[in-house]
Amino acid sequence: MPDVEAAFEAFIAAFNALDFERFSRCLSTEVSLFAPDSDAPSLIEGAAAVERHFRAVFRDSAPDGPGIRPVGVRVRPLDERASLITFEFARRQGSTGRRSIVFRLEDGEWKILHIHASNIPAEE
């Protein structure tokens, strides 16, 4: 069985490479997202809606990608089929990104069920 850490690393690698096809394969069909830099006033739900959101993120990150280098990664198993991964990263704008991602084991593969994203402004 693949481990959740490998699924997390594959997700970050796909995101940084702006490989949307590989990125979208990391998502559950039931994925949801709280996005910090979104016009969406509430929870974004379902793979189609989350993918629409990230297509814009990928477009805005081109051509170099977001350059996410996770630090303080913590993996917390919730049960044998779910895990929570939290981490932070320095954003190019000088702020700090904080992410919490819930992975769920679906048909033998770890898929992202929920992403909660927030950003902390750079210190003056």
Foldseek 3Di string as FASTA:
>chain_A
DDDVVVLVVQLVVCQQQLVLVSNLVQADQFAKEDDAPDPDPDIQTGSVRVSVVVVVVSVVQPDRGFPFDWDPWDWADPDPFKIKIWTWGQGPVQKIKIKIWMWGQDPNDTHTRYIYIDIGDHDD
